[in-house]
Amino acid sequence: MLQQFAIVASREGRTVHLLQWDVVRGAFEGHPAGARYPEVDGVTHAAVRRAVGLWARRAVSEWDRRHPGGEHLLAVEAPLIGDRLASLARVRNDEAEALLGGTSSTFFVPAPSDEVRRAIESSRIREARTPRHERERANAAPPLLELLWQDVVRLGVRFGLAEQEWTGRGYQRDLYVSVYRRLLRDRTAVVLEIDDVLPVTGSPYAFDTVPVEILPSHRDVDDFLTVVGSLPNGRLRQEAEQWYGDVEEGG
């Protein structure tokens, strides 16, 4: 969907800039400083997730300052769950907040049906075996998709949106949407219900016009990992476990 969004925007004359979770976290993990925080069983280390989030808010504010004209468009892939760019959904007193919380920004929540969800899982198996693009190797494998879904369920229970008995059940769109609406309560959010499985003819990482990618510099990675690395272990663990911040407060 991000690919198609970027293609349509480019054809309408917009210059598209992309900030993608998997691409950015790869830059952090591939940096020498990132070797201290290795991925385990496909799950990005909490320190990397936190560092990427801190960097992303600064990157968004810098992008906004450099591109004041309407001919530019910023498209961000932010999974949110598990502190994967979740900082973009939180209200903070910084330069990025005016853009993120303003009327010019919209957070879209793609909500697949059961059938589409199964198609996504099957596609991930195919991508792992025979990727059409190098970046498909970094996509979440089916076991990680299931782990992320269980994180959604746990949040649903914590927010009072689901009963404890939901734990262990398969994907349910209504709960998925409810949790994301809560996470995005301070943002303009639009749910996109996806009910059709369309034929796949190429890689979603291929574009007609290559967008401008927003990536951290080596200095950025080093600086933000240093900031996160200076946190006491207990605080980092607590922030990793409670990445959703004050969302559960106030309904």
Protein backbone atom coordinates (compact mmCIF):
# COMPACT_ATOMS: atom_id res chain seq x y z
CA MET A 1 0.00 0.00 0.00
CA LEU A 2 2.88 2.34 0.72
CA GLN A 3 4.29 1.59 -2.72
CA GLN A 4 1.00 2.30 -4.49
CA PHE A 5 0.47 5.46 -2.45
CA ALA A 6 3.91 6.71 -3.49
CA ILE A 7 3.32 5.84 -7.15
CA VAL A 8 -0.01 7.69 -7.28
CA ALA A 9 1.46 10.72 -5.52
CA SER A 10 4.39 10.82 -7.95
CA ARG A 11 2.06 10.68 -10.93
CA GLU A 12 0.16 13.62 -9.44
CA GLY A 13 3.34 15.67 -9.45
CA ARG A 14 4.37 15.28 -5.82
CA THR A 15 7.95 14.60 -4.80
CA VAL A 16 7.67 11.63 -2.43
CA HIS A 17 9.97 11.16 0.54
CA LEU A 18 9.93 7.77 2.31
CA LEU A 19 10.77 6.89 5.89
CA GLN A 20 10.34 3.15 6.41
CA TRP A 21 10.73 1.27 9.67
CA ASP A 22 12.49 -1.80 8.28
CA VAL A 23 14.91 0.26 6.21
CA VAL A 24 15.82 2.66 9.01
CA ARG A 25 16.22 0.03 11.74
CA GLY A 26 18.50 -1.85 9.32
CA ALA A 27 20.74 1.22 9.19
CA PHE A 28 20.95 1.20 12.99
CA GLU A 29 21.57 -2.55 13.26
CA GLY A 30 24.20 -2.43 10.51
CA HIS A 31 26.19 0.32 12.22
CA PRO A 32 29.19 -0.83 14.31
CA ALA A 33 27.54 0.65 17.41
CA GLY A 34 24.44 -1.41 16.68
CA ALA A 35 26.39 -4.65 17.10
CA ARG A 36 25.88 -4.26 20.87
CA TYR A 37 22.14 -4.69 20.34
CA PRO A 38 21.62 -7.73 18.08
CA GLU A 39 18.28 -8.91 16.78
CA VAL A 40 17.01 -12.05 18.57
CA ASP A 41 14.61 -14.47 16.83
CA GLY A 42 13.63 -11.78 14.35
CA VAL A 43 12.83 -9.21 17.06
CA THR A 44 14.69 -5.90 16.99
CA HIS A 45 16.47 -5.04 20.24
CA ALA A 46 14.62 -2.61 22.51
CA ALA A 47 17.54 -0.19 22.46
CA VAL A 48 17.46 0.01 18.67
CA ARG A 49 13.69 0.50 18.66
CA ARG A 50 13.98 3.35 21.13
CA ALA A 51 16.91 4.98 19.28
CA VAL A 52 15.09 4.80 15.94
CA GLY A 53 12.06 6.47 17.51
CA LEU A 54 14.10 9.32 18.96
CA TRP A 55 15.87 9.86 15.65
CA ALA A 56 12.61 9.73 13.66
CA ARG A 57 11.01 12.68 15.46
CA ARG A 58 14.04 14.82 14.72
CA ALA A 59 14.12 13.57 11.13
CA VAL A 60 10.46 14.51 10.64
CA SER A 61 10.97 18.01 12.00
CA GLU A 62 14.05 18.52 9.82
CA TRP A 63 12.15 17.31 6.76
CA ASP A 64 9.30 19.73 7.52
CA ARG A 65 11.71 22.64 7.86
CA ARG A 66 13.49 21.83 4.59
CA HIS A 67 10.34 21.22 2.52
CA PRO A 68 7.73 23.87 3.34
CA GLY A 69 6.07 23.67 -0.07
CA GLY A 70 3.06 21.50 -0.88
CA GLU A 71 4.84 19.81 -3.77
CA HIS A 72 6.65 17.54 -1.31
CA LEU A 73 5.00 14.65 0.52
CA LEU A 74 6.34 12.55 3.39
CA ALA A 75 5.16 8.92 3.57
CA VAL A 76 6.12 6.96 6.68
CA GLU A 77 5.81 3.25 7.37
CA ALA A 78 5.32 3.07 11.15
CA PRO A 79 4.11 -0.27 12.57
CA LEU A 80 3.82 1.28 16.08
CA ILE A 81 3.35 -2.06 17.89
CA GLY A 82 6.28 -2.90 20.14
CA ASP A 83 7.77 0.63 19.95
CA ARG A 84 8.36 0.50 16.21
CA LEU A 85 8.25 4.24 15.45
CA ALA A 86 5.52 4.55 18.07
CA SER A 87 7.11 7.84 19.14
CA LEU A 88 5.45 9.45 16.11
CA ALA A 89 2.04 8.77 17.64
CA ARG A 90 2.84 10.28 21.03
CA VAL A 91 2.38 13.93 21.93
CA ARG A 92 5.73 15.51 22.71
CA ASN A 93 6.84 19.09 23.29
CA ASP A 94 9.21 19.31 20.35
CA GLU A 95 9.43 20.74 16.82
CA ALA A 96 7.94 17.62 15.21
CA GLU A 97 4.65 17.84 17.11
CA ALA A 98 3.16 20.67 15.03
CA LEU A 99 3.42 18.54 11.88
CA LEU A 100 2.52 15.16 13.40
CA GLY A 101 -0.48 16.51 15.29
CA GLY A 102 -1.58 18.99 12.64
CA THR A 103 -4.27 18.80 9.98
CA SER A 104 -1.74 18.18 7.20
CA SER A 105 -0.82 14.75 8.62
CA THR A 106 -2.95 11.61 8.42
CA PHE A 107 -2.18 8.22 9.92
CA PHE A 108 -3.70 5.42 7.84
CA VAL A 109 -4.43 2.07 9.46
CA PRO A 110 -4.56 -0.73 6.85
CA ALA A 111 -6.97 -3.29 8.33
CA PRO A 112 -7.00 -6.57 6.37
CA SER A 113 -9.86 -9.05 6.44
CA ASP A 114 -9.20 -12.62 7.56
CA GLU A 115 -8.71 -13.68 3.95
CA VAL A 116 -6.26 -10.88 3.22
CA ARG A 117 -4.40 -11.58 6.44
CA ARG A 118 -3.93 -15.22 5.38
CA ALA A 119 -2.68 -14.02 2.00
CA ILE A 120 -0.16 -11.76 3.71
CA GLU A 121 1.13 -14.63 5.81
CA SER A 122 1.46 -16.85 2.72
CA SER A 123 3.26 -14.05 0.92
CA ARG A 124 5.76 -13.74 3.76
CA ILE A 125 6.59 -17.44 3.45
CA ARG A 126 7.21 -16.95 -0.26
CA GLU A 127 9.31 -13.83 0.33
CA ALA A 128 11.51 -15.67 2.81
CA ARG A 129 12.16 -18.46 0.31
CA THR A 130 12.44 -16.51 -2.95
CA PRO A 131 12.60 -12.74 -2.35
CA ARG A 132 11.90 -10.55 -5.39
CA HIS A 133 13.87 -7.70 -3.81
CA GLU A 134 16.78 -7.62 -1.38
CA ARG A 135 14.74 -5.67 1.16
CA GLU A 136 12.08 -8.36 1.33
CA ARG A 137 14.57 -10.37 3.41
CA ALA A 138 13.93 -7.95 6.29
CA ASN A 139 10.13 -8.43 6.25
CA ALA A 140 8.46 -9.89 9.31
CA ALA A 141 8.17 -13.69 8.94
CA PRO A 142 4.88 -15.43 9.87
CA PRO A 143 6.09 -16.30 13.43
CA LEU A 144 6.89 -12.63 14.03
CA LEU A 145 3.52 -11.58 12.57
CA GLU A 146 1.86 -13.88 15.11
CA LEU A 147 4.01 -12.43 17.91
CA LEU A 148 3.00 -8.91 16.90
CA TRP A 149 -0.65 -9.94 16.82
CA GLN A 150 -0.39 -11.30 20.36
CA ASP A 151 1.11 -7.93 21.36
CA VAL A 152 -2.01 -6.32 19.90
CA VAL A 153 -4.18 -8.67 21.96
CA ARG A 154 -2.28 -7.89 25.14
CA LEU A 155 -2.75 -4.18 24.51
CA GLY A 156 -6.44 -4.77 23.85
CA VAL A 157 -6.77 -6.51 27.22
CA ARG A 158 -4.79 -3.75 28.96
CA PHE A 159 -6.91 -1.01 27.37
CA GLY A 160 -10.13 -2.82 28.28
CA LEU A 161 -10.96 -3.54 24.65
CA ALA A 162 -10.77 -7.34 24.94
CA GLU A 163 -11.13 -10.05 27.54
CA GLN A 164 -8.18 -12.08 28.77
CA GLU A 165 -9.60 -15.07 26.88
CA TRP A 166 -8.58 -13.39 23.61
CA THR A 167 -4.97 -14.37 24.26
CA GLY A 168 -4.04 -17.21 21.94
CA ARG A 169 -6.83 -16.58 19.45
CA GLY A 170 -6.20 -15.80 15.81
CA TYR A 171 -6.36 -12.43 14.10
CA GLN A 172 -9.55 -10.37 14.51
CA ARG A 173 -9.93 -7.15 12.54
CA ASP A 174 -12.27 -5.40 15.00
CA LEU A 175 -9.81 -5.74 17.86
CA TYR A 176 -6.91 -4.77 15.61
CA VAL A 177 -8.67 -1.57 14.59
CA SER A 178 -9.75 -0.72 18.14
CA VAL A 179 -6.19 -0.99 19.46
CA TYR A 180 -4.75 1.16 16.69
CA ARG A 181 -7.46 3.78 17.19
CA ARG A 182 -6.46 3.98 20.84
CA LEU A 183 -2.77 4.25 19.99
CA LEU A 184 -3.58 7.04 17.53
CA ARG A 185 -6.07 8.91 19.68
CA ASP A 186 -3.93 12.08 19.49
CA ARG A 187 -3.55 11.90 15.71
CA THR A 188 -5.80 12.19 12.68
CA ALA A 189 -6.36 8.54 11.84
CA VAL A 190 -8.23 6.84 8.98
CA VAL A 191 -8.92 3.10 8.89
CA LEU A 192 -8.59 1.42 5.50
CA GLU A 193 -10.49 -1.87 5.48
CA ILE A 194 -8.82 -4.16 2.95
CA ASP A 195 -11.06 -6.96 1.68
CA ASP A 196 -9.61 -7.82 -1.73
CA VAL A 197 -6.58 -9.96 -2.49
CA LEU A 198 -4.93 -8.49 -5.57
CA PRO A 199 -2.42 -10.31 -7.78
CA VAL A 200 1.23 -9.71 -6.95
CA THR A 201 3.29 -8.98 -10.06
CA GLY A 202 6.47 -7.60 -8.51
CA SER A 203 8.08 -6.44 -5.32
CA PRO A 204 6.45 -3.77 -3.15
CA TYR A 205 9.90 -2.23 -2.88
CA ALA A 206 9.98 -1.43 -6.63
CA PHE A 207 8.85 2.05 -7.70
CA ASP A 208 8.20 3.71 -11.06
CA THR A 209 9.93 6.83 -9.76
CA VAL A 210 12.38 6.18 -6.96
CA PRO A 211 11.33 8.24 -3.92
CA VAL A 212 13.75 10.23 -1.81
CA GLU A 213 14.66 8.08 1.19
CA ILE A 214 15.05 9.56 4.65
CA LEU A 215 17.87 7.70 6.36
CA PRO A 216 20.05 8.35 9.39
CA SER A 217 23.67 9.30 8.92
CA HIS A 218 26.39 7.28 10.63
CA ARG A 219 26.73 10.16 13.11
CA ASP A 220 22.98 10.07 13.78
CA VAL A 221 23.07 6.35 14.55
CA ASP A 222 26.07 6.72 16.82
CA ASP A 223 24.55 9.71 18.66
CA PHE A 224 21.13 8.20 19.31
CA LEU A 225 22.45 4.78 20.28
CA THR A 226 24.77 6.57 22.71
CA VAL A 227 21.79 8.39 24.23
CA VAL A 228 19.83 5.17 24.64
CA GLY A 229 22.90 3.27 25.83
CA SER A 230 23.35 5.77 28.66
CA LEU A 231 19.96 4.86 30.14
CA PRO A 232 19.99 2.60 33.18
CA ASN A 233 19.02 -0.97 32.27
CA GLY A 234 15.94 -0.77 34.44
CA ARG A 235 14.69 2.38 32.76
CA LEU A 236 15.26 1.03 29.25
CA ARG A 237 13.44 -2.17 30.17
CA GLN A 238 10.55 -0.20 31.64
CA GLU A 239 10.29 2.10 28.64
CA ALA A 240 10.42 -0.89 26.30
CA GLU A 241 7.59 -2.59 28.15
CA GLN A 242 5.49 0.57 28.42
CA TRP A 243 6.23 2.08 25.02
CA TYR A 244 2.57 3.06 24.54
CA GLY A 245 3.04 5.73 27.21
CA ASP A 246 -0.10 7.36 28.58
CA VAL A 247 -2.48 5.88 25.99
CA GLU A 248 -4.22 3.64 28.52
CA GLU A 249 -5.04 6.65 30.68
CA GLY A 250 -8.22 8.59 30.10
CA GLY A 251 -9.90 6.07 27.74
